[in-house]
Amino acid sequence: MQSLVEHARTFTEHVAANAKDFERLADGQTPEALFVTCSDSRVVPSLITGARPGQLFELRTAGNIVPPYPGQDRPTGEAATIEYALCVLQVRDIIVCGHSHCGAVGAILRGDDLSAMPAVRHWLERSADGRTPPDDPGDLPGAVQAHALTQLDTLRGYPAVRERLAEGSLGLHAWYYEVHTGSVSVHRPERGTEFARL
């Protein structure tokens, strides 16, 4: 914790050295993309993409899960974030980024007993509900990639996403990040479910 405190204490020096960049942020934000990824501390969107402050609007959830659109009667923070990104910030792209060594997808794949963590169990069950498990239960990378594609399918059920897709003003992308190598693979729709390295 102390290293985090020390950095926060001296961050104003960094801001002062880059004053013009940070002053522009006071005028508002115009992010290029909504980046949906896992809460995993090893996944750092700005580090992966090289994004500067203001370029990415981020949604982080356990297992980069996008819950189904809840409707107005049961709003969720995830749905509000997605809707705001599309309707107010007018992002042009949504990236769902899964990652290697993902504990959430691994737990789904293995069928782990999560009874000691009921909130986690419910969250993951919601994600896996009714979905066919991968052919190879030992293929975590393949499962994570398939999981990212499933989240894109869920996004297509959001009214704002449907509207923007119909207009042709939104791109949906699935990425896979390897924590131990730093490599990023992207889904190529023309190749079915295949991912290819950037």
N, C-alpha and C. Protein backbone atom coordinates (compact mmCIF):
# COMPACT_ATOMS: atom_id res chain seq x y z
N MET A 1 0.83 -1.20 0.00
CA MET A 1 0.00 0.00 0.00
C MET A 1 0.87 1.26 0.00
N GLN A 2 1.98 1.21 0.69
CA GLN A 2 2.80 2.41 0.82
C GLN A 2 3.29 2.93 -0.53
N SER A 3 3.64 2.00 -1.44
CA SER A 3 4.12 2.45 -2.75
C SER A 3 3.02 3.18 -3.51
N LEU A 4 1.77 2.75 -3.34
CA LEU A 4 0.65 3.42 -3.99
C LEU A 4 0.45 4.82 -3.42
N VAL A 5 0.56 4.92 -2.10
CA VAL A 5 0.41 6.21 -1.44
C VAL A 5 1.51 7.18 -1.90
N GLU A 6 2.74 6.68 -1.98
CA GLU A 6 3.86 7.53 -2.40
C GLU A 6 3.65 8.04 -3.82
N HIS A 7 3.19 7.17 -4.70
CA HIS A 7 2.95 7.60 -6.08
C HIS A 7 1.85 8.65 -6.14
N ALA A 8 0.76 8.41 -5.39
CA ALA A 8 -0.34 9.37 -5.37
C ALA A 8 0.13 10.72 -4.83
N ARG A 9 1.02 10.67 -3.86
CA ARG A 9 1.54 11.91 -3.26
C ARG A 9 2.33 12.73 -4.27
N THR A 10 3.04 12.06 -5.17
CA THR A 10 3.89 12.79 -6.13
C THR A 10 3.26 12.92 -7.52
N PHE A 11 2.02 12.44 -7.68
CA PHE A 11 1.39 12.46 -9.00
C PHE A 11 1.19 13.88 -9.52
N THR A 12 0.97 14.82 -8.63
CA THR A 12 0.78 16.21 -9.06
C THR A 12 2.00 16.73 -9.81
N GLU A 13 3.18 16.21 -9.49
CA GLU A 13 4.38 16.62 -10.21
C GLU A 13 4.32 16.15 -11.66
N HIS A 14 3.83 14.95 -11.87
CA HIS A 14 3.66 14.43 -13.23
C HIS A 14 2.63 15.27 -14.00
N VAL A 15 1.53 15.60 -13.32
CA VAL A 15 0.50 16.41 -13.95
C VAL A 15 1.06 17.78 -14.31
N ALA A 16 1.81 18.39 -13.40
CA ALA A 16 2.39 19.71 -13.66
C ALA A 16 3.34 19.67 -14.85
N ALA A 17 4.09 18.58 -15.00
CA ALA A 17 5.03 18.45 -16.11
C ALA A 17 4.31 18.24 -17.45
N ASN A 18 3.06 17.82 -17.39
CA ASN A 18 2.26 17.57 -18.60
C ASN A 18 0.96 18.37 -18.53
N ALA A 19 1.08 19.61 -18.09
CA ALA A 19 -0.08 20.43 -17.76
C ALA A 19 -1.08 20.56 -18.90
N LYS A 20 -0.63 20.79 -20.11
CA LYS A 20 -1.56 21.00 -21.23
C LYS A 20 -2.42 19.77 -21.48
N ASP A 21 -1.80 18.58 -21.41
CA ASP A 21 -2.56 17.34 -21.61
C ASP A 21 -3.66 17.20 -20.57
N PHE A 22 -3.34 17.50 -19.33
CA PHE A 22 -4.31 17.33 -18.26
C PHE A 22 -5.34 18.45 -18.22
N GLU A 23 -4.96 19.67 -18.62
CA GLU A 23 -5.91 20.77 -18.64
C GLU A 23 -7.04 20.49 -19.63
N ARG A 24 -6.72 19.83 -20.75
CA ARG A 24 -7.75 19.49 -21.73
C ARG A 24 -8.79 18.54 -21.15
N LEU A 25 -8.39 17.72 -20.22
CA LEU A 25 -9.31 16.76 -19.62
C LEU A 25 -10.41 17.44 -18.81
N ALA A 26 -10.14 18.65 -18.34
CA ALA A 26 -11.15 19.39 -17.57
C ALA A 26 -12.33 19.80 -18.45
N ASP A 27 -12.12 19.83 -19.77
CA ASP A 27 -13.19 20.23 -20.69
C ASP A 27 -14.16 19.09 -21.02
N GLY A 28 -13.84 17.88 -20.60
CA GLY A 28 -14.70 16.74 -20.87
C GLY A 28 -13.92 15.57 -21.43
N GLN A 29 -14.64 14.53 -21.79
CA GLN A 29 -13.98 13.34 -22.31
C GLN A 29 -14.59 12.93 -23.64
N THR A 30 -13.76 12.44 -24.52
CA THR A 30 -14.21 11.91 -25.81
C THR A 30 -13.46 10.62 -26.09
N PRO A 31 -13.73 9.58 -25.30
CA PRO A 31 -12.99 8.32 -25.49
C PRO A 31 -13.30 7.68 -26.84
N GLU A 32 -12.31 6.99 -27.37
CA GLU A 32 -12.46 6.32 -28.66
C GLU A 32 -13.24 5.02 -28.51
N ALA A 33 -13.08 4.35 -27.39
CA ALA A 33 -13.67 3.02 -27.23
C ALA A 33 -14.08 2.77 -25.79
N LEU A 34 -15.04 1.86 -25.67
CA LEU A 34 -15.39 1.28 -24.37
C LEU A 34 -14.60 -0.01 -24.28
N PHE A 35 -13.79 -0.14 -23.26
CA PHE A 35 -12.93 -1.32 -23.09
C PHE A 35 -13.49 -2.13 -21.93
N VAL A 36 -14.06 -3.28 -22.24
CA VAL A 36 -14.66 -4.17 -21.24
C VAL A 36 -13.65 -5.27 -20.95
N THR A 37 -13.21 -5.35 -19.71
CA THR A 37 -12.23 -6.37 -19.38
C THR A 37 -12.41 -6.84 -17.95
N CYS A 38 -11.58 -7.78 -17.57
CA CYS A 38 -11.66 -8.40 -16.26
C CYS A 38 -11.11 -7.46 -15.17
N SER A 39 -11.58 -7.67 -13.97
CA SER A 39 -11.08 -6.92 -12.82
C SER A 39 -9.67 -7.34 -12.43
N ASP A 40 -9.16 -8.40 -13.02
CA ASP A 40 -7.84 -8.96 -12.69
C ASP A 40 -6.78 -7.85 -12.70
N SER A 41 -6.01 -7.79 -11.63
CA SER A 41 -5.01 -6.72 -11.48
C SER A 41 -3.87 -6.79 -12.49
N ARG A 42 -3.74 -7.94 -13.15
CA ARG A 42 -2.67 -8.09 -14.15
C ARG A 42 -3.05 -7.52 -15.51
N VAL A 43 -4.31 -7.16 -15.68
CA VAL A 43 -4.80 -6.62 -16.94
C VAL A 43 -4.95 -5.11 -16.80
N VAL A 44 -4.11 -4.36 -17.50
CA VAL A 44 -4.10 -2.89 -17.39
C VAL A 44 -4.38 -2.32 -18.79
N PRO A 45 -5.62 -1.93 -19.07
CA PRO A 45 -5.99 -1.50 -20.42
C PRO A 45 -5.09 -0.41 -21.01
N SER A 46 -4.76 0.60 -20.24
CA SER A 46 -3.94 1.68 -20.80
C SER A 46 -2.51 1.20 -21.10
N LEU A 47 -2.04 0.24 -20.35
CA LEU A 47 -0.71 -0.33 -20.61
C LEU A 47 -0.74 -1.18 -21.88
N ILE A 48 -1.79 -1.96 -22.05
CA ILE A 48 -1.92 -2.83 -23.22
C ILE A 48 -2.08 -2.01 -24.50
N THR A 49 -2.91 -0.97 -24.44
CA THR A 49 -3.24 -0.20 -25.64
C THR A 49 -2.39 1.05 -25.84
N GLY A 50 -1.69 1.47 -24.80
CA GLY A 50 -0.95 2.72 -24.88
C GLY A 50 -1.85 3.94 -24.81
N ALA A 51 -3.09 3.74 -24.33
CA ALA A 51 -4.06 4.84 -24.27
C ALA A 51 -3.63 5.89 -23.25
N ARG A 52 -3.87 7.13 -23.62
CA ARG A 52 -3.63 8.26 -22.72
C ARG A 52 -4.93 8.54 -21.96
N PRO A 53 -4.86 9.30 -20.88
CA PRO A 53 -6.09 9.66 -20.17
C PRO A 53 -7.11 10.28 -21.14
N GLY A 54 -8.34 9.80 -21.06
CA GLY A 54 -9.40 10.31 -21.91
C GLY A 54 -9.66 9.48 -23.16
N GLN A 55 -8.81 8.50 -23.48
CA GLN A 55 -8.98 7.71 -24.70
C GLN A 55 -9.83 6.46 -24.52
N LEU A 56 -9.85 5.90 -23.32
CA LEU A 56 -10.63 4.67 -23.07
C LEU A 56 -11.65 4.91 -21.97
N PHE A 57 -12.87 4.45 -22.20
CA PHE A 57 -13.88 4.38 -21.15
C PHE A 57 -13.88 2.92 -20.73
N GLU A 58 -13.71 2.63 -19.46
CA GLU A 58 -13.48 1.27 -19.03
C GLU A 58 -14.64 0.70 -18.21
N LEU A 59 -14.91 -0.57 -18.45
CA LEU A 59 -15.85 -1.35 -17.64
C LEU A 59 -15.12 -2.61 -17.24
N ARG A 60 -14.91 -2.78 -15.94
CA ARG A 60 -14.19 -3.95 -15.44
C ARG A 60 -15.12 -4.75 -14.54
N THR A 61 -15.21 -6.04 -14.85
CA THR A 61 -16.04 -6.93 -14.04
C THR A 61 -15.28 -8.25 -13.86
N ALA A 62 -15.68 -9.02 -12.87
CA ALA A 62 -15.08 -10.34 -12.70
C ALA A 62 -15.34 -11.16 -13.96
N GLY A 63 -14.26 -11.60 -14.61
CA GLY A 63 -14.39 -12.41 -15.81
C GLY A 63 -14.83 -11.64 -17.04
N ASN A 64 -14.69 -10.32 -17.05
CA ASN A 64 -15.17 -9.45 -18.13
C ASN A 64 -16.57 -9.84 -18.61
N ILE A 65 -17.41 -10.15 -17.64
CA ILE A 65 -18.78 -10.58 -17.94
C ILE A 65 -19.67 -9.36 -18.18
N VAL A 66 -20.41 -9.41 -19.26
CA VAL A 66 -21.44 -8.42 -19.56
C VAL A 66 -22.78 -9.08 -19.23
N PRO A 67 -23.47 -8.60 -18.20
CA PRO A 67 -24.76 -9.22 -17.87
C PRO A 67 -25.81 -8.86 -18.92
N PRO A 68 -26.84 -9.69 -19.07
CA PRO A 68 -27.91 -9.36 -20.01
C PRO A 68 -28.54 -8.01 -19.67
N TYR A 69 -29.07 -7.35 -20.68
CA TYR A 69 -29.71 -6.04 -20.46
C TYR A 69 -30.85 -6.20 -19.47
N PRO A 70 -30.85 -5.41 -18.39
CA PRO A 70 -31.81 -5.64 -17.31
C PRO A 70 -33.16 -4.98 -17.50
N GLY A 71 -33.28 -4.05 -18.40
CA GLY A 71 -34.51 -3.29 -18.49
C GLY A 71 -34.53 -2.19 -17.44
N GLN A 72 -35.56 -1.36 -17.48
CA GLN A 72 -35.62 -0.20 -16.59
C GLN A 72 -35.97 -0.56 -15.16
N ASP A 73 -36.59 -1.72 -14.95
CA ASP A 73 -37.02 -2.06 -13.60
C ASP A 73 -35.88 -2.53 -12.71
N ARG A 74 -34.79 -3.04 -13.30
CA ARG A 74 -33.67 -3.53 -12.49
C ARG A 74 -32.35 -3.07 -13.10
N PRO A 75 -32.04 -1.78 -13.04
CA PRO A 75 -30.82 -1.29 -13.67
C PRO A 75 -29.57 -1.83 -12.97
N THR A 76 -28.49 -1.94 -13.73
CA THR A 76 -27.21 -2.37 -13.16
C THR A 76 -26.15 -1.34 -13.52
N GLY A 77 -25.08 -1.35 -12.76
CA GLY A 77 -23.97 -0.45 -13.05
C GLY A 77 -23.35 -0.74 -14.41
N GLU A 78 -23.29 -2.03 -14.77
CA GLU A 78 -22.72 -2.40 -16.06
C GLU A 78 -23.56 -1.85 -17.21
N ALA A 79 -24.88 -2.02 -17.11
CA ALA A 79 -25.76 -1.52 -18.17
C ALA A 79 -25.69 0.00 -18.26
N ALA A 80 -25.63 0.67 -17.12
CA ALA A 80 -25.54 2.13 -17.12
C ALA A 80 -24.24 2.60 -17.78
N THR A 81 -23.15 1.89 -17.50
CA THR A 81 -21.86 2.25 -18.09
C THR A 81 -21.89 2.10 -19.61
N ILE A 82 -22.44 1.00 -20.08
CA ILE A 82 -22.52 0.74 -21.52
C ILE A 82 -23.41 1.78 -22.20
N GLU A 83 -24.56 2.03 -21.61
CA GLU A 83 -25.50 2.99 -22.18
C GLU A 83 -24.89 4.39 -22.23
N TYR A 84 -24.22 4.79 -21.17
CA TYR A 84 -23.60 6.12 -21.12
C TYR A 84 -22.51 6.24 -22.18
N ALA A 85 -21.70 5.18 -22.32
CA ALA A 85 -20.62 5.20 -23.31
C ALA A 85 -21.16 5.40 -24.72
N LEU A 86 -22.29 4.76 -25.01
CA LEU A 86 -22.86 4.82 -26.36
C LEU A 86 -23.70 6.07 -26.59
N CYS A 87 -24.56 6.40 -25.66
CA CYS A 87 -25.53 7.48 -25.86
C CYS A 87 -24.98 8.87 -25.57
N VAL A 88 -24.08 8.97 -24.62
CA VAL A 88 -23.55 10.28 -24.25
C VAL A 88 -22.15 10.50 -24.84
N LEU A 89 -21.27 9.53 -24.61
CA LEU A 89 -19.89 9.68 -25.08
C LEU A 89 -19.71 9.32 -26.55
N GLN A 90 -20.70 8.64 -27.11
CA GLN A 90 -20.67 8.29 -28.54
C GLN A 90 -19.42 7.51 -28.94
N VAL A 91 -19.00 6.57 -28.09
CA VAL A 91 -17.84 5.75 -28.47
C VAL A 91 -18.14 5.02 -29.77
N ARG A 92 -17.12 4.81 -30.56
CA ARG A 92 -17.28 4.19 -31.88
C ARG A 92 -17.01 2.69 -31.86
N ASP A 93 -16.37 2.22 -30.78
CA ASP A 93 -16.00 0.80 -30.71
C ASP A 93 -16.15 0.30 -29.29
N ILE A 94 -16.51 -0.98 -29.18
CA ILE A 94 -16.50 -1.67 -27.89
C ILE A 94 -15.57 -2.87 -28.04
N ILE A 95 -14.61 -2.96 -27.13
CA ILE A 95 -13.67 -4.07 -27.10
C ILE A 95 -13.95 -4.89 -25.85
N VAL A 96 -14.18 -6.17 -26.03
CA VAL A 96 -14.26 -7.08 -24.88
C VAL A 96 -12.95 -7.86 -24.88
N CYS A 97 -12.18 -7.69 -23.81
CA CYS A 97 -10.83 -8.27 -23.74
C CYS A 97 -10.75 -9.32 -22.64
N GLY A 98 -10.64 -10.59 -23.05
CA GLY A 98 -10.38 -11.66 -22.11
C GLY A 98 -8.88 -11.82 -21.93
N HIS A 99 -8.46 -12.65 -20.99
CA HIS A 99 -7.02 -12.78 -20.75
C HIS A 99 -6.65 -14.19 -20.31
N SER A 100 -5.38 -14.51 -20.51
CA SER A 100 -4.86 -15.80 -20.07
C SER A 100 -4.92 -15.89 -18.55
N HIS A 101 -4.91 -17.10 -18.04
CA HIS A 101 -4.91 -17.35 -16.59
C HIS A 101 -6.12 -16.73 -15.89
N CYS A 102 -7.24 -16.68 -16.58
CA CYS A 102 -8.44 -16.06 -16.01
C CYS A 102 -9.09 -16.99 -14.99
N GLY A 103 -9.12 -16.55 -13.74
CA GLY A 103 -9.69 -17.37 -12.68
C GLY A 103 -11.18 -17.58 -12.84
N ALA A 104 -11.90 -16.56 -13.33
CA ALA A 104 -13.35 -16.67 -13.47
C ALA A 104 -13.72 -17.71 -14.53
N VAL A 105 -13.11 -17.59 -15.71
CA VAL A 105 -13.43 -18.54 -16.78
C VAL A 105 -12.92 -19.93 -16.39
N GLY A 106 -11.77 -20.00 -15.73
CA GLY A 106 -11.25 -21.29 -15.26
C GLY A 106 -12.21 -21.96 -14.30
N ALA A 107 -12.81 -21.19 -13.41
CA ALA A 107 -13.77 -21.74 -12.45
C ALA A 107 -15.00 -22.29 -13.17
N ILE A 108 -15.47 -21.56 -14.19
CA ILE A 108 -16.62 -22.03 -14.98
C ILE A 108 -16.25 -23.33 -15.69
N LEU A 109 -15.08 -23.33 -16.29
CA LEU A 109 -14.61 -24.48 -17.08
C LEU A 109 -14.47 -25.73 -16.23
N ARG A 110 -13.92 -25.56 -15.02
CA ARG A 110 -13.68 -26.70 -14.14
C ARG A 110 -14.91 -27.09 -13.33
N GLY A 111 -15.87 -26.19 -13.27
CA GLY A 111 -17.04 -26.45 -12.43
C GLY A 111 -16.70 -26.37 -10.96
N ASP A 112 -15.86 -25.41 -10.58
CA ASP A 112 -15.42 -25.27 -9.20
C ASP A 112 -16.59 -25.09 -8.24
N ASP A 113 -16.42 -25.59 -7.02
CA ASP A 113 -17.39 -25.39 -5.96
C ASP A 113 -17.16 -24.01 -5.36
N LEU A 114 -18.07 -23.10 -5.61
CA LEU A 114 -17.93 -21.72 -5.13
C LEU A 114 -18.95 -21.39 -4.06
N SER A 115 -19.41 -22.42 -3.35
CA SER A 115 -20.46 -22.20 -2.35
C SER A 115 -20.01 -21.27 -1.22
N ALA A 116 -18.71 -21.17 -0.97
CA ALA A 116 -18.21 -20.27 0.07
C ALA A 116 -18.22 -18.81 -0.39
N MET A 117 -18.43 -18.61 -1.71
CA MET A 117 -18.49 -17.26 -2.27
C MET A 117 -19.77 -17.13 -3.09
N PRO A 118 -20.90 -16.96 -2.42
CA PRO A 118 -22.19 -16.99 -3.14
C PRO A 118 -22.34 -15.90 -4.19
N ALA A 119 -21.80 -14.71 -3.95
CA ALA A 119 -21.93 -13.64 -4.95
C ALA A 119 -21.13 -13.98 -6.20
N VAL A 120 -19.92 -14.51 -6.01
CA VAL A 120 -19.09 -14.93 -7.14
C VAL A 120 -19.78 -16.07 -7.89
N ARG A 121 -20.29 -17.05 -7.13
CA ARG A 121 -20.97 -18.19 -7.75
C ARG A 121 -22.13 -17.72 -8.61
N HIS A 122 -22.96 -16.84 -8.07
CA HIS A 122 -24.13 -16.35 -8.81
C HIS A 122 -23.70 -15.58 -10.07
N TRP A 123 -22.70 -14.75 -9.93
CA TRP A 123 -22.21 -13.95 -11.07
C TRP A 123 -21.72 -14.86 -12.19
N LEU A 124 -20.94 -15.88 -11.85
CA LEU A 124 -20.40 -16.78 -12.87
C LEU A 124 -21.47 -17.69 -13.45
N GLU A 125 -22.41 -18.15 -12.61
CA GLU A 125 -23.50 -18.99 -13.11
C GLU A 125 -24.33 -18.23 -14.13
N ARG A 126 -24.53 -16.96 -13.87
CA ARG A 126 -25.28 -16.11 -14.79
C ARG A 126 -24.61 -16.06 -16.15
N SER A 127 -23.28 -16.02 -16.12
CA SER A 127 -22.52 -15.96 -17.36
C SER A 127 -22.60 -17.27 -18.13
N ALA A 128 -22.53 -18.37 -17.40
CA ALA A 128 -22.45 -19.69 -18.04
C ALA A 128 -23.82 -20.29 -18.32
N ASP A 129 -24.88 -19.68 -17.80
CA ASP A 129 -26.21 -20.26 -17.87
C ASP A 129 -26.63 -20.58 -19.31
N GLY A 130 -26.88 -21.85 -19.54
CA GLY A 130 -27.38 -22.29 -20.83
C GLY A 130 -26.35 -22.33 -21.94
N ARG A 131 -25.11 -22.05 -21.64
CA ARG A 131 -24.08 -22.03 -22.68
C ARG A 131 -23.38 -23.37 -22.75
N THR A 132 -23.05 -23.78 -23.93
CA THR A 132 -22.37 -25.05 -24.13
C THR A 132 -20.91 -24.94 -23.72
N PRO A 133 -20.41 -25.84 -22.86
CA PRO A 133 -19.00 -25.78 -22.48
C PRO A 133 -18.11 -26.13 -23.68
N PRO A 134 -16.86 -25.68 -23.66
CA PRO A 134 -15.98 -25.99 -24.79
C PRO A 134 -15.75 -27.49 -24.93
N ASP A 135 -15.39 -27.90 -26.15
CA ASP A 135 -15.13 -29.32 -26.42
C ASP A 135 -14.00 -29.86 -25.57
N ASP A 136 -12.98 -29.04 -25.33
CA ASP A 136 -11.80 -29.47 -24.56
C ASP A 136 -11.77 -28.73 -23.24
N PRO A 137 -12.16 -29.37 -22.11
CA PRO A 137 -12.20 -28.67 -20.83
C PRO A 137 -10.83 -28.24 -20.33
N GLY A 138 -9.75 -28.70 -20.96
CA GLY A 138 -8.41 -28.27 -20.58
C GLY A 138 -7.91 -27.08 -21.37
N ASP A 139 -8.72 -26.59 -22.30
CA ASP A 139 -8.30 -25.50 -23.18
C ASP A 139 -8.78 -24.16 -22.62
N LEU A 140 -8.07 -23.65 -21.61
CA LEU A 140 -8.46 -22.38 -21.01
C LEU A 140 -8.37 -21.23 -22.01
N PRO A 141 -7.29 -21.10 -22.81
CA PRO A 141 -7.26 -20.01 -23.79
C PRO A 141 -8.46 -20.04 -24.73
N GLY A 142 -8.79 -21.22 -25.23
CA GLY A 142 -9.95 -21.35 -26.11
C GLY A 142 -11.24 -20.98 -25.42
N ALA A 143 -11.36 -21.37 -24.15
CA ALA A 143 -12.57 -21.05 -23.38
C ALA A 143 -12.68 -19.56 -23.14
N VAL A 144 -11.55 -18.90 -22.84
CA VAL A 144 -11.56 -17.45 -22.61
C VAL A 144 -11.95 -16.72 -23.91
N GLN A 145 -11.43 -17.17 -25.03
CA GLN A 145 -11.76 -16.54 -26.30
C GLN A 145 -13.24 -16.72 -26.63
N ALA A 146 -13.75 -17.94 -26.43
CA ALA A 146 -15.18 -18.19 -26.66
C ALA A 146 -16.03 -17.35 -25.72
N HIS A 147 -15.56 -17.19 -24.49
CA HIS A 147 -16.26 -16.39 -23.49
C HIS A 147 -16.34 -14.93 -23.93
N ALA A 148 -15.27 -14.40 -24.49
CA ALA A 148 -15.28 -13.00 -24.98
C ALA A 148 -16.31 -12.84 -26.09
N LEU A 149 -16.40 -13.83 -26.99
CA LEU A 149 -17.39 -13.78 -28.06
C LEU A 149 -18.81 -13.84 -27.52
N THR A 150 -18.99 -14.62 -26.45
CA THR A 150 -20.31 -14.70 -25.81
C THR A 150 -20.71 -13.34 -25.25
N GLN A 151 -19.74 -12.61 -24.71
CA GLN A 151 -20.06 -11.28 -24.17
C GLN A 151 -20.47 -10.32 -25.28
N LEU A 152 -19.87 -10.47 -26.46
CA LEU A 152 -20.30 -9.65 -27.60
C LEU A 152 -21.74 -9.97 -27.97
N ASP A 153 -22.09 -11.26 -27.93
CA ASP A 153 -23.48 -11.65 -28.21
C ASP A 153 -24.43 -11.01 -27.20
N THR A 154 -24.01 -11.00 -25.93
CA THR A 154 -24.84 -10.38 -24.90
C THR A 154 -24.99 -8.89 -25.16
N LEU A 155 -23.91 -8.23 -25.55
CA LEU A 155 -23.96 -6.80 -25.87
C LEU A 155 -24.97 -6.50 -26.98
N ARG A 156 -25.07 -7.40 -27.94
CA ARG A 156 -26.00 -7.18 -29.05
C ARG A 156 -27.46 -7.13 -28.58
N GLY A 157 -27.72 -7.60 -27.35
CA GLY A 157 -29.05 -7.53 -26.78
C GLY A 157 -29.37 -6.20 -26.11
N TYR A 158 -28.40 -5.30 -26.04
CA TYR A 158 -28.62 -3.98 -25.45
C TYR A 158 -29.25 -3.06 -26.51
N PRO A 159 -30.34 -2.37 -26.16
CA PRO A 159 -30.99 -1.51 -27.16
C PRO A 159 -30.04 -0.49 -27.81
N ALA A 160 -29.20 0.16 -27.02
CA ALA A 160 -28.29 1.17 -27.58
C ALA A 160 -27.28 0.54 -28.52
N VAL A 161 -26.84 -0.67 -28.21
CA VAL A 161 -25.90 -1.38 -29.09
C VAL A 161 -26.60 -1.75 -30.40
N ARG A 162 -27.81 -2.31 -30.29
CA ARG A 162 -28.57 -2.68 -31.50
C ARG A 162 -28.77 -1.48 -32.42
N GLU A 163 -29.13 -0.36 -31.81
CA GLU A 163 -29.39 0.86 -32.59
C GLU A 163 -28.13 1.33 -33.32
N ARG A 164 -27.02 1.37 -32.59
CA ARG A 164 -25.78 1.85 -33.20
C ARG A 164 -25.26 0.87 -34.26
N LEU A 165 -25.43 -0.43 -34.03
CA LEU A 165 -25.03 -1.41 -35.04
C LEU A 165 -25.87 -1.24 -36.31
N ALA A 166 -27.16 -1.01 -36.13
CA ALA A 166 -28.06 -0.83 -37.28
C ALA A 166 -27.66 0.41 -38.09
N GLU A 167 -27.18 1.44 -37.40
CA GLU A 167 -26.72 2.66 -38.08
C GLU A 167 -25.37 2.46 -38.76
N GLY A 168 -24.66 1.42 -38.35
CA GLY A 168 -23.31 1.21 -38.86
C GLY A 168 -22.28 2.12 -38.20
N SER A 169 -22.61 2.61 -36.99
CA SER A 169 -21.72 3.55 -36.30
C SER A 169 -21.02 2.95 -35.09
N LEU A 170 -21.01 1.62 -35.00
CA LEU A 170 -20.38 0.96 -33.86
C LEU A 170 -19.69 -0.32 -34.31
N GLY A 171 -18.49 -0.53 -33.83
CA GLY A 171 -17.77 -1.77 -34.06
C GLY A 171 -17.64 -2.56 -32.78
N LEU A 172 -17.84 -3.87 -32.85
CA LEU A 172 -17.67 -4.76 -31.69
C LEU A 172 -16.45 -5.64 -31.94
N HIS A 173 -15.59 -5.76 -30.93
CA HIS A 173 -14.32 -6.46 -31.09
C HIS A 173 -14.06 -7.35 -29.88
N ALA A 174 -13.55 -8.55 -30.12
CA ALA A 174 -13.12 -9.46 -29.04
C ALA A 174 -11.61 -9.59 -29.10
N TRP A 175 -10.96 -9.38 -27.97
CA TRP A 175 -9.51 -9.49 -27.85
C TRP A 175 -9.17 -10.55 -26.81
N TYR A 176 -7.95 -11.08 -26.94
CA TYR A 176 -7.41 -12.01 -25.96
C TYR A 176 -5.98 -11.57 -25.63
N TYR A 177 -5.76 -11.29 -24.35
CA TYR A 177 -4.46 -10.79 -23.89
C TYR A 177 -3.73 -11.87 -23.11
N GLU A 178 -2.48 -12.14 -23.49
CA GLU A 178 -1.64 -13.11 -22.77
C GLU A 178 -0.83 -12.37 -21.72
N VAL A 179 -1.15 -12.62 -20.46
CA VAL A 179 -0.51 -11.93 -19.35
C VAL A 179 1.00 -12.13 -19.34
N HIS A 180 1.45 -13.36 -19.61
CA HIS A 180 2.87 -13.68 -19.46
C HIS A 180 3.74 -13.28 -20.66
N THR A 181 3.12 -12.98 -21.80
CA THR A 181 3.92 -12.56 -22.97
C THR A 181 3.61 -11.15 -23.43
N GLY A 182 2.43 -10.64 -23.06
CA GLY A 182 2.00 -9.32 -23.52
C GLY A 182 1.37 -9.33 -24.90
N SER A 183 1.26 -10.49 -25.53
CA SER A 183 0.70 -10.52 -26.88
C SER A 183 -0.83 -10.38 -26.83
N VAL A 184 -1.36 -9.77 -27.87
CA VAL A 184 -2.80 -9.56 -28.00
C VAL A 184 -3.26 -10.22 -29.29
N SER A 185 -4.32 -11.02 -29.19
CA SER A 185 -4.95 -11.62 -30.36
C SER A 185 -6.34 -11.04 -30.50
N VAL A 186 -6.80 -10.94 -31.74
CA VAL A 186 -8.12 -10.38 -31.99
C VAL A 186 -8.95 -11.38 -32.77
N HIS A 187 -10.25 -11.31 -32.57
CA HIS A 187 -11.17 -12.19 -33.29
C HIS A 187 -11.31 -11.71 -34.72
N ARG A 188 -11.22 -12.66 -35.64
CA ARG A 188 -11.41 -12.38 -37.06
C ARG A 188 -12.73 -13.03 -37.47
N PRO A 189 -13.81 -12.25 -37.53
CA PRO A 189 -15.13 -12.84 -37.83
C PRO A 189 -15.16 -13.66 -39.12
N GLU A 190 -14.36 -13.25 -40.10
CA GLU A 190 -14.36 -13.98 -41.37
C GLU A 190 -13.78 -15.38 -41.23
N ARG A 191 -13.11 -15.65 -40.09
CA ARG A 191 -12.53 -16.98 -39.85
C ARG A 191 -13.29 -17.73 -38.77
N GLY A 192 -14.55 -17.47 -38.61
CA GLY A 192 -15.35 -18.15 -37.60
C GLY A 192 -14.98 -17.68 -36.20
N THR A 193 -14.55 -18.60 -35.36
CA THR A 193 -14.23 -18.24 -33.97
C THR A 193 -12.74 -18.02 -33.78
N GLU A 194 -11.97 -18.00 -34.86
CA GLU A 194 -10.52 -17.93 -34.75
C GLU A 194 -10.04 -16.53 -34.31
N PHE A 195 -9.01 -16.56 -33.46
CA PHE A 195 -8.33 -15.33 -33.04
C PHE A 195 -6.95 -15.33 -33.68
N ALA A 196 -6.47 -14.15 -34.05
CA ALA A 196 -5.13 -14.03 -34.65
C ALA A 196 -4.37 -12.92 -33.95
N ARG A 197 -3.07 -13.13 -33.79
CA ARG A 197 -2.26 -12.11 -33.10
C ARG A 197 -2.18 -10.83 -33.91
N LEU A 198 -2.17 -9.74 -33.18
CA LEU A 198 -2.00 -8.42 -33.83
C LEU A 198 -0.61 -8.31 -34.41
